[in-house]
Amino acid sequence: MQRRPSYVGGDTRSKQLWEATRKYYDSHDDALLWSDGTKPNDRFAALSRACAHAGEDGLEPADYQPGTFDAAHAADGDVRATYVFFQYAIDLSRGTIDPEVINHDWHPTPRSVKIDAALDDARESGDVAAALQKLAPHTPQYLGLKHQLAACPDDRCRLTVSMNMDRWRWLPDDLGSRYLIVNIPAFRLDAIEDGKSVLEMKVVTGKKDNPTPVLADEMTSVVFSPTWNIPEDIVTREIQPKVAKDPDYLSRNNMEVDDKGRYRQLPGKGNSLGSVKFLFPNHFNVYLHDTPSKNLFERIERDYSHGCVRVEEPLVLAKYVLRDQPEWTEDRIKAAMDSGVEQSVKLKQPLPIYLVYFTAWEENGTLRTVADVYGHDRRQQSSSRT
């Protein structure tokens, strides 16, 4: 096959797509896919139409140009069309950019997508558009944004919706029949069952200089009357300067230092984690928890934490995640929350949880948008190919 042509970019993704194109022809005896060598076939016309409709999924049609057929260069044209199919397929399924470009701590959850199988599907069925659409997310949230994109919003609104659609491509195909989702810039937690929210509450998320990370994980346990093992950076930045000014600060705040110099706040009234925390082990060391600072939930913008997520209704959430353990009645949960003695309860089944960053979504048929509190929209826009 020819050397890498000019329409293939020099970035890593483009090189990978070019290699996938080469391998596809190698494994199919270099057979032409989009023409018989003298004229284009129906698949080529279908590919051109599909590319022209890329905007319906928030993509830019100009990025996908299979070109025009030229019998004198039928093989080269065929290769270009295949490369464009793969380019469209990967963008539709996994997003147009990598989220690490926006934030180095924002990692995608790889979707199970085989673009060569998609091309085999298009080749056998002749329905190129359908083969491509199978690769797009099909969550209710993605489809809701796609519906809003079709309502002829203004250009600025369209850009916001398109960027948020791309973020759904960074999440798994199947989020689970039951899961928790925290939308960081919306300061909101939802429990989702069969695609619908069955529980909603306000949350407080990380400050701009201590942002809540975007991640996908599984909640595994609930800890009642938790001890707060204070992170070293908080000790250095906040606790030690206060102790230097006030020697009684630690005892007054129910804090102590162990023989290794580690600081912790004991369970009880005034504990920064409140009366319960919800754990999903991750290398960011973030979790959901109660808080004694209830007044923060009355604010519109609630980015005040050190990165963890504070929940408005911890009792309600504890009842929800332990609902398959009937021995944990509301009265028993309350007693454990108020006992002042740390107690950990393992969930029978890990509960998927997603900390996400969506500044636009559809709700009850209406487009809702919120402020870009961490500037991720701005960085994504500046990093986009378009």
Protein backbone atom coordinates (compact mmCIF):
# COMPACT_ATOMS: atom_id res chain seq x y z
CA MET A 1 0.00 0.00 0.00
CA GLN A 2 1.05 3.60 -0.59
CA ARG A 3 2.91 5.67 1.98
CA ARG A 4 0.96 7.78 4.38
CA PRO A 5 -0.92 10.33 2.25
CA SER A 6 -1.34 14.02 2.98
CA TYR A 7 -4.89 13.68 4.32
CA VAL A 8 -3.60 11.60 7.23
CA GLY A 9 -2.44 13.81 10.09
CA GLY A 10 0.82 13.40 11.97
CA ASP A 11 -0.75 12.94 15.39
CA THR A 12 -0.81 9.59 17.19
CA ARG A 13 -4.49 8.90 16.56
CA SER A 14 -4.21 9.58 12.81
CA LYS A 15 -1.19 7.30 12.55
CA GLN A 16 -3.10 4.55 14.36
CA LEU A 17 -6.05 4.92 11.99
CA TRP A 18 -3.73 4.76 9.02
CA GLU A 19 -2.19 1.57 10.38
CA ALA A 20 -5.69 0.12 10.89
CA THR A 21 -6.47 0.98 7.26
CA ARG A 22 -3.34 -0.76 6.04
CA LYS A 23 -4.07 -3.87 8.10
CA TYR A 24 -7.63 -4.04 6.83
CA TYR A 25 -6.52 -4.19 3.20
CA ASP A 26 -3.78 -6.68 4.05
CA SER A 27 -6.32 -8.99 5.65
CA HIS A 28 -8.76 -8.64 2.72
CA ASP A 29 -6.33 -9.26 -0.15
CA ASP A 30 -6.34 -5.56 -1.09
CA ALA A 31 -9.85 -5.91 -2.49
CA LEU A 32 -11.63 -2.70 -3.47
CA LEU A 33 -14.46 -1.83 -1.08
CA TRP A 34 -16.05 1.29 -2.53
CA SER A 35 -15.95 0.72 -6.31
CA ASP A 36 -15.41 -1.89 -9.00
CA GLY A 37 -12.46 0.07 -10.32
CA THR A 38 -14.45 1.83 -12.99
CA LYS A 39 -17.29 3.40 -11.02
CA PRO A 40 -18.24 3.92 -7.34
CA ASN A 41 -20.68 1.48 -5.80
CA ASP A 42 -23.70 2.10 -3.57
CA ARG A 43 -21.58 1.79 -0.43
CA PHE A 44 -19.50 4.78 -1.49
CA ALA A 45 -22.61 6.89 -1.99
CA ALA A 46 -23.91 5.72 1.39
CA LEU A 47 -20.62 6.68 3.06
CA SER A 48 -20.75 10.14 1.52
CA ARG A 49 -24.30 10.63 2.78
CA ALA A 50 -23.40 9.40 6.26
CA CYS A 51 -20.46 11.81 6.47
CA ALA A 52 -22.68 14.68 5.38
CA HIS A 53 -24.92 13.94 8.40
CA ALA A 54 -22.10 13.83 10.95
CA GLY A 55 -23.41 17.06 12.45
CA GLU A 56 -26.39 15.16 13.86
CA ASP A 57 -23.98 13.60 16.36
CA GLY A 58 -22.19 16.84 17.13
CA LEU A 59 -19.32 16.10 14.75
CA GLU A 60 -18.05 18.31 11.96
CA PRO A 61 -18.92 16.98 8.47
CA ALA A 62 -15.92 18.77 6.97
CA ASP A 63 -13.64 16.41 8.95
CA TYR A 64 -14.91 13.41 6.99
CA GLN A 65 -14.33 13.78 3.26
CA PRO A 66 -14.21 10.51 1.29
CA GLY A 67 -13.49 12.55 -1.85
CA THR A 68 -14.80 12.05 -5.36
CA PHE A 69 -14.29 8.93 -7.44
CA ASP A 70 -11.52 8.94 -10.02
CA ALA A 71 -11.19 5.75 -12.10
CA ALA A 72 -7.55 6.57 -12.85
CA HIS A 73 -6.77 6.39 -9.12
CA ALA A 74 -9.42 3.95 -7.97
CA ALA A 75 -7.16 2.16 -5.47
CA ASP A 76 -5.99 5.40 -3.83
CA GLY A 77 -9.57 6.65 -3.62
CA ASP A 78 -10.69 3.37 -2.07
CA VAL A 79 -8.04 3.64 0.63
CA ARG A 80 -9.07 7.20 1.39
CA ALA A 81 -12.72 6.20 1.78
CA THR A 82 -11.76 3.40 4.17
CA TYR A 83 -9.58 5.76 6.20
CA VAL A 84 -12.47 8.23 6.43
CA PHE A 85 -14.83 5.45 7.53
CA PHE A 86 -12.42 4.48 10.32
CA GLN A 87 -11.91 8.12 11.29
CA TYR A 88 -15.65 8.70 11.53
CA ALA A 89 -16.12 5.40 13.39
CA ILE A 90 -13.50 6.13 16.04
CA ASP A 91 -14.66 9.72 16.57
CA LEU A 92 -18.28 8.63 16.86
CA SER A 93 -17.46 5.87 19.32
CA ARG A 94 -14.61 7.24 21.44
CA GLY A 95 -14.69 11.00 20.97
CA THR A 96 -12.77 13.46 18.81
CA ILE A 97 -10.06 14.16 21.40
CA ASP A 98 -8.60 12.41 24.41
CA PRO A 99 -9.84 13.83 27.74
CA GLU A 100 -6.28 13.93 29.09
CA VAL A 101 -5.82 16.91 26.77
CA ILE A 102 -8.37 18.79 28.87
CA ASN A 103 -7.06 17.58 32.22
CA HIS A 104 -4.27 15.06 32.81
CA ASP A 105 -6.34 13.41 35.57
CA TRP A 106 -9.37 12.89 33.31
CA HIS A 107 -9.14 9.35 32.00
CA PRO A 108 -11.69 7.79 29.63
CA THR A 109 -13.24 4.41 30.29
CA PRO A 110 -12.45 2.52 27.07
CA ARG A 111 -15.52 1.52 25.09
CA SER A 112 -15.54 -1.90 23.47
CA VAL A 113 -15.47 -0.89 19.81
CA LYS A 114 -14.05 -2.77 16.82
CA ILE A 115 -13.94 -0.47 13.82
CA ASP A 116 -12.81 -3.23 11.45
CA ALA A 117 -15.88 -5.27 12.43
CA ALA A 118 -18.02 -2.20 11.77
CA LEU A 119 -16.58 -1.94 8.27
CA ASP A 120 -17.27 -5.65 7.72
CA ASP A 121 -20.86 -4.95 8.78
CA ALA A 122 -21.15 -2.04 6.32
CA ARG A 123 -19.59 -4.12 3.57
CA GLU A 124 -21.96 -7.04 4.02
CA SER A 125 -25.18 -5.13 4.69
CA GLY A 126 -24.57 -2.14 2.46
CA ASP A 127 -26.08 0.08 5.18
CA VAL A 128 -23.07 2.22 6.02
CA ALA A 129 -24.98 4.70 8.16
CA ALA A 130 -26.46 1.96 10.35
CA ALA A 131 -23.06 0.30 10.80
CA LEU A 132 -21.63 3.61 11.97
CA GLN A 133 -24.55 4.52 14.24
CA LYS A 134 -24.17 1.24 16.11
CA LEU A 135 -20.86 2.63 17.38
CA ALA A 136 -22.31 5.77 18.96
CA PRO A 137 -23.38 5.79 22.62
CA HIS A 138 -27.01 4.84 23.15
CA THR A 139 -27.50 5.99 26.72
CA PRO A 140 -30.67 8.05 27.30
CA GLN A 141 -28.47 11.02 28.21
CA TYR A 142 -26.57 10.95 24.91
CA LEU A 143 -29.75 10.52 22.90
CA GLY A 144 -31.29 13.41 24.82
CA LEU A 145 -28.44 15.69 23.81
CA LYS A 146 -28.73 14.47 20.22
CA HIS A 147 -32.40 15.40 20.31
CA GLN A 148 -31.54 18.87 21.58
CA LEU A 149 -28.90 19.29 18.87
CA ALA A 150 -31.60 18.73 16.25
CA ALA A 151 -33.68 21.68 17.59
CA CYS A 152 -31.61 24.42 15.68
CA PRO A 153 -30.03 26.09 18.77
CA ASP A 154 -27.65 28.97 18.24
CA ASP A 155 -24.01 28.25 17.41
CA ARG A 156 -22.75 28.75 20.96
CA CYS A 157 -25.37 26.41 22.38
CA ARG A 158 -24.68 23.89 19.63
CA LEU A 159 -20.98 23.88 20.48
CA THR A 160 -21.70 23.26 24.17
CA VAL A 161 -24.07 20.38 23.36
CA SER A 162 -21.55 18.87 20.91
CA MET A 163 -18.74 18.95 23.49
CA ASN A 164 -20.94 17.26 26.06
CA MET A 165 -21.93 14.58 23.55
CA ASP A 166 -18.23 13.90 23.05
CA ARG A 167 -17.87 13.34 26.83
CA TRP A 168 -20.46 10.58 26.72
CA ARG A 169 -18.15 8.79 24.28
CA TRP A 170 -15.55 8.62 27.06
CA LEU A 171 -17.87 6.53 29.24
CA PRO A 172 -18.67 2.79 29.01
CA ASP A 173 -21.29 1.39 26.65
CA ASP A 174 -23.22 0.00 29.60
CA LEU A 175 -23.27 2.15 32.74
CA GLY A 176 -25.28 -0.50 34.58
CA SER A 177 -28.97 -0.98 35.27
CA ARG A 178 -28.47 0.84 38.59
CA TYR A 179 -25.77 3.38 39.35
CA LEU A 180 -24.93 6.69 41.00
CA ILE A 181 -23.82 9.68 38.94
CA VAL A 182 -22.43 12.94 40.30
CA ASN A 183 -22.44 15.80 37.80
CA ILE A 184 -19.70 18.04 39.16
CA PRO A 185 -20.60 21.43 37.58
CA ALA A 186 -24.31 20.85 38.28
CA PHE A 187 -23.52 20.08 41.96
CA ARG A 188 -25.96 17.21 41.78
CA LEU A 189 -26.12 13.49 42.53
CA ASP A 190 -28.64 11.15 40.91
CA ALA A 191 -29.38 7.49 41.46
CA ILE A 192 -30.27 6.00 38.08
CA GLU A 193 -32.31 2.87 37.55
CA ASP A 194 -33.12 1.62 34.05
CA GLY A 195 -32.10 4.95 32.58
CA LYS A 196 -34.25 7.12 34.89
CA SER A 197 -33.41 9.13 38.00
CA VAL A 198 -35.06 7.70 41.12
CA LEU A 199 -33.18 9.84 43.64
CA GLU A 200 -31.68 13.32 43.40
CA MET A 201 -29.82 15.53 45.85
CA LYS A 202 -27.48 18.51 45.98
CA VAL A 203 -23.77 18.05 46.48
CA VAL A 204 -20.74 20.20 47.24
CA THR A 205 -17.74 19.53 44.99
CA GLY A 206 -14.08 20.53 44.91
CA LYS A 207 -12.76 24.05 44.68
CA LYS A 208 -11.15 25.17 41.45
CA ASP A 209 -7.69 24.64 42.98
CA ASN A 210 -8.78 21.28 44.46
CA PRO A 211 -11.11 19.96 41.74
CA THR A 212 -13.18 16.82 42.09
CA PRO A 213 -11.73 14.30 39.61
CA VAL A 214 -13.69 12.76 36.78
CA LEU A 215 -13.74 8.99 37.21
CA ALA A 216 -15.72 5.76 36.94
CA ASP A 217 -15.60 3.36 39.88
CA GLU A 218 -17.68 1.12 42.15
CA MET A 219 -18.92 1.95 45.64
CA THR A 220 -18.01 -0.92 47.95
CA SER A 221 -18.77 0.18 51.53
CA VAL A 222 -20.41 2.67 53.85
CA VAL A 223 -18.62 3.89 56.98
CA PHE A 224 -20.71 5.26 59.82
CA SER A 225 -19.26 7.73 62.37
CA PRO A 226 -16.04 7.92 60.34
CA THR A 227 -12.61 9.03 61.44
CA TRP A 228 -11.07 11.64 59.16
CA ASN A 229 -7.48 10.79 58.32
CA ILE A 230 -6.38 14.26 57.32
CA PRO A 231 -4.34 14.41 54.09
CA GLU A 232 -0.82 15.75 54.43
CA ASP A 233 -1.39 18.72 52.14
CA ILE A 234 -4.35 19.88 54.25
CA VAL A 235 -2.29 19.40 57.42
CA THR A 236 0.52 21.51 55.99
CA ARG A 237 -1.66 24.19 54.39
CA GLU A 238 -4.42 24.55 56.96
CA ILE A 239 -4.05 22.61 60.22
CA GLN A 240 -0.46 23.36 61.24
CA PRO A 241 -0.74 27.16 60.72
CA LYS A 242 -3.85 27.14 62.94
CA VAL A 243 -2.08 25.06 65.60
CA ALA A 244 0.82 27.52 65.55
CA LYS A 245 -1.57 30.34 66.40
CA ASP A 246 -3.75 28.34 68.80
CA PRO A 247 -2.19 25.46 70.81
CA ASP A 248 -5.67 24.23 71.79
CA TYR A 249 -6.87 23.95 68.19
CA LEU A 250 -6.43 20.17 67.97
CA SER A 251 -8.19 19.28 71.22
CA ARG A 252 -11.01 21.73 70.56
CA ASN A 253 -11.62 20.12 67.14
CA ASN A 254 -11.34 16.54 68.41
CA MET A 255 -8.10 15.99 66.51
CA GLU A 256 -4.98 14.06 67.45
CA VAL A 257 -1.55 13.20 66.11
CA ASP A 258 -0.25 9.62 66.23
CA ASP A 259 3.33 8.54 66.92
CA LYS A 260 4.13 8.72 63.20
CA GLY A 261 3.02 12.34 62.96
CA ARG A 262 -0.26 11.60 61.13
CA TYR A 263 -3.21 13.81 61.92
CA ARG A 264 -6.77 12.59 62.29
CA GLN A 265 -10.11 13.85 63.51
CA LEU A 266 -12.05 11.45 65.67
CA PRO A 267 -15.71 10.55 65.08
CA GLY A 268 -18.36 12.75 66.60
CA LYS A 269 -20.00 16.13 66.36
CA GLY A 270 -18.05 18.57 64.22
CA ASN A 271 -16.15 15.88 62.29
CA SER A 272 -15.49 17.22 58.81
CA LEU A 273 -16.86 14.03 57.23
CA GLY A 274 -20.08 14.30 59.21
CA SER A 275 -21.70 11.07 60.29
CA VAL A 276 -21.09 8.82 57.27
CA LYS A 277 -18.87 8.36 54.23
CA PHE A 278 -19.33 6.26 51.09
CA LEU A 279 -16.21 4.60 49.73
CA PHE A 280 -15.19 3.68 46.19
CA PRO A 281 -11.43 3.06 46.39
CA ASN A 282 -9.50 5.17 43.89
CA HIS A 283 -6.02 6.63 43.61
CA PHE A 284 -7.38 10.17 44.03
CA ASN A 285 -8.54 9.21 47.55
CA VAL A 286 -11.92 10.89 47.06
CA TYR A 287 -15.30 9.68 48.31
CA LEU A 288 -18.81 10.87 49.15
CA HIS A 289 -19.50 12.04 52.68
CA ASP A 290 -21.75 13.95 55.05
CA THR A 291 -20.75 17.40 56.30
CA PRO A 292 -21.51 19.60 59.32
CA SER A 293 -21.55 22.64 57.01
CA LYS A 294 -25.16 22.27 55.87
CA ASN A 295 -25.46 25.94 54.93
CA LEU A 296 -23.35 25.39 51.80
CA PHE A 297 -26.20 23.49 50.16
CA GLU A 298 -28.19 26.73 50.01
CA ARG A 299 -25.66 28.28 47.65
CA ILE A 300 -26.08 28.15 43.89
CA GLU A 301 -22.41 27.44 43.17
CA ARG A 302 -21.13 24.78 45.55
CA ASP A 303 -17.45 24.22 44.73
CA TYR A 304 -16.05 24.42 48.26
CA SER A 305 -14.55 21.02 49.15
CA HIS A 306 -10.97 19.70 48.98
CA GLY A 307 -12.02 17.34 46.15
CA CYS A 308 -14.38 14.92 47.88
CA VAL A 309 -18.13 15.17 47.33
CA ARG A 310 -20.34 16.27 50.22
CA VAL A 311 -23.93 15.04 50.01
CA GLU A 312 -27.01 16.92 51.12
CA GLU A 313 -29.00 13.93 52.38
CA PRO A 314 -26.59 11.31 53.76
CA LEU A 315 -29.31 9.33 55.56
CA VAL A 316 -31.36 9.01 52.36
CA LEU A 317 -28.29 7.91 50.40
CA ALA A 318 -27.29 5.38 53.08
CA LYS A 319 -30.79 3.87 53.00
CA TYR A 320 -30.62 3.67 49.21
CA VAL A 321 -27.26 1.93 48.92
CA LEU A 322 -28.10 -0.51 51.76
CA ARG A 323 -31.65 -1.24 50.64
CA ASP A 324 -30.80 -4.87 49.86
CA GLN A 325 -29.74 -5.40 53.48
CA PRO A 326 -33.08 -5.22 55.34
CA GLU A 327 -31.37 -5.47 58.73
CA TRP A 328 -30.13 -1.94 58.12
CA THR A 329 -33.35 -0.15 58.96
CA GLU A 330 -33.61 3.62 59.08
CA ASP A 331 -33.43 3.56 62.89
CA ARG A 332 -30.31 1.38 62.85
CA ILE A 333 -28.66 3.63 60.27
CA LYS A 334 -29.43 6.72 62.37
CA ALA A 335 -28.04 5.05 65.47
CA ALA A 336 -24.83 4.10 63.67
CA MET A 337 -24.47 7.62 62.30
CA ASP A 338 -24.81 9.08 65.79
CA SER A 339 -22.85 6.47 67.75
CA GLY A 340 -19.45 8.15 67.61
CA VAL A 341 -17.89 4.72 67.00
CA GLU A 342 -16.61 4.00 63.51
CA GLN A 343 -18.37 1.09 61.78
CA SER A 344 -17.89 -0.12 58.22
CA VAL A 345 -20.61 -1.94 56.26
CA LYS A 346 -19.77 -3.72 53.03
CA LEU A 347 -22.26 -3.49 50.17
CA LYS A 348 -23.61 -6.85 49.01
CA GLN A 349 -23.04 -5.82 45.41
CA PRO A 350 -20.63 -3.06 44.32
CA LEU A 351 -22.61 -0.08 43.05
CA PRO A 352 -21.22 1.67 39.93
CA ILE A 353 -20.55 5.35 40.50
CA TYR A 354 -19.54 7.97 37.97
CA LEU A 355 -18.12 11.39 38.76
CA VAL A 356 -18.73 13.26 35.52
CA TYR A 357 -18.50 16.75 34.08
CA PHE A 358 -21.49 17.73 31.96
CA THR A 359 -22.43 21.36 31.40
CA ALA A 360 -25.42 20.48 29.20
CA TRP A 361 -28.08 17.78 29.29
CA GLU A 362 -31.72 17.18 28.41
CA GLU A 363 -34.23 17.09 31.25
CA ASN A 364 -37.96 16.66 30.68
CA GLY A 365 -37.51 17.50 27.02
CA THR A 366 -35.66 20.76 27.76
CA LEU A 367 -32.01 21.63 27.38
CA ARG A 368 -30.36 22.53 30.68
CA THR A 369 -26.95 24.15 30.95
CA VAL A 370 -24.72 25.15 33.86
CA ALA A 371 -21.55 27.20 34.28
CA ASP A 372 -18.19 25.72 33.32
CA VAL A 373 -16.80 25.90 36.88
CA TYR A 374 -13.43 24.27 36.15
CA GLY A 375 -12.91 25.66 32.64
CA HIS A 376 -13.05 22.22 31.00
CA ASP A 377 -15.40 23.47 28.25
CA ARG A 378 -12.94 26.21 27.36
CA ARG A 379 -9.98 23.84 27.20
CA GLN A 380 -11.94 21.27 25.21
CA GLN A 381 -12.98 23.90 22.67
CA SER A 382 -9.44 25.15 22.23
CA SER A 383 -8.15 21.56 21.86
CA SER A 384 -10.78 20.48 19.33
CA ARG A 385 -9.78 19.83 15.74
CA THR A 386 -12.55 22.18 14.72
